[in-house]
């Protein structure tokens, strides 16, 4: 008597391929945080809105500096102003322009204060 060949029952069935989960943002979010300002007569807090990114943001950095003579022999003053601004890769050109304007304007303000202080110092008797 011959035995019948039975089909193998220990075969491995491959698992279906599963795609990783996707995050789909339909609306960009904003977070509300509190900002505490120290170094004043009293501590003040205010709520500010912070942009929440749906992906890893790009970072745009811009900085400028200037060194000026104080008018006194071998005394100089250096001011550096810089900013780092996060944003989406598609926004880097616009962010760069905004960062540049901010830094240039702020450096001009700081230099005006320093120039006024140097001028006032020059008016004092030595």
Foldseek 3Di string as FASTA:
>chain_A
DDDDDDDDPPDDDDDDDDDDDDDDDPDWDKDWDWDWDDDDPDIDIDIDIHTDDPDFWDKDKDKDKDKDALPDPPDIDMDMDMDIDTDHPVCRVVVNVVRVVVRVVVNVVVVVVSVVVSVVVVPDDD
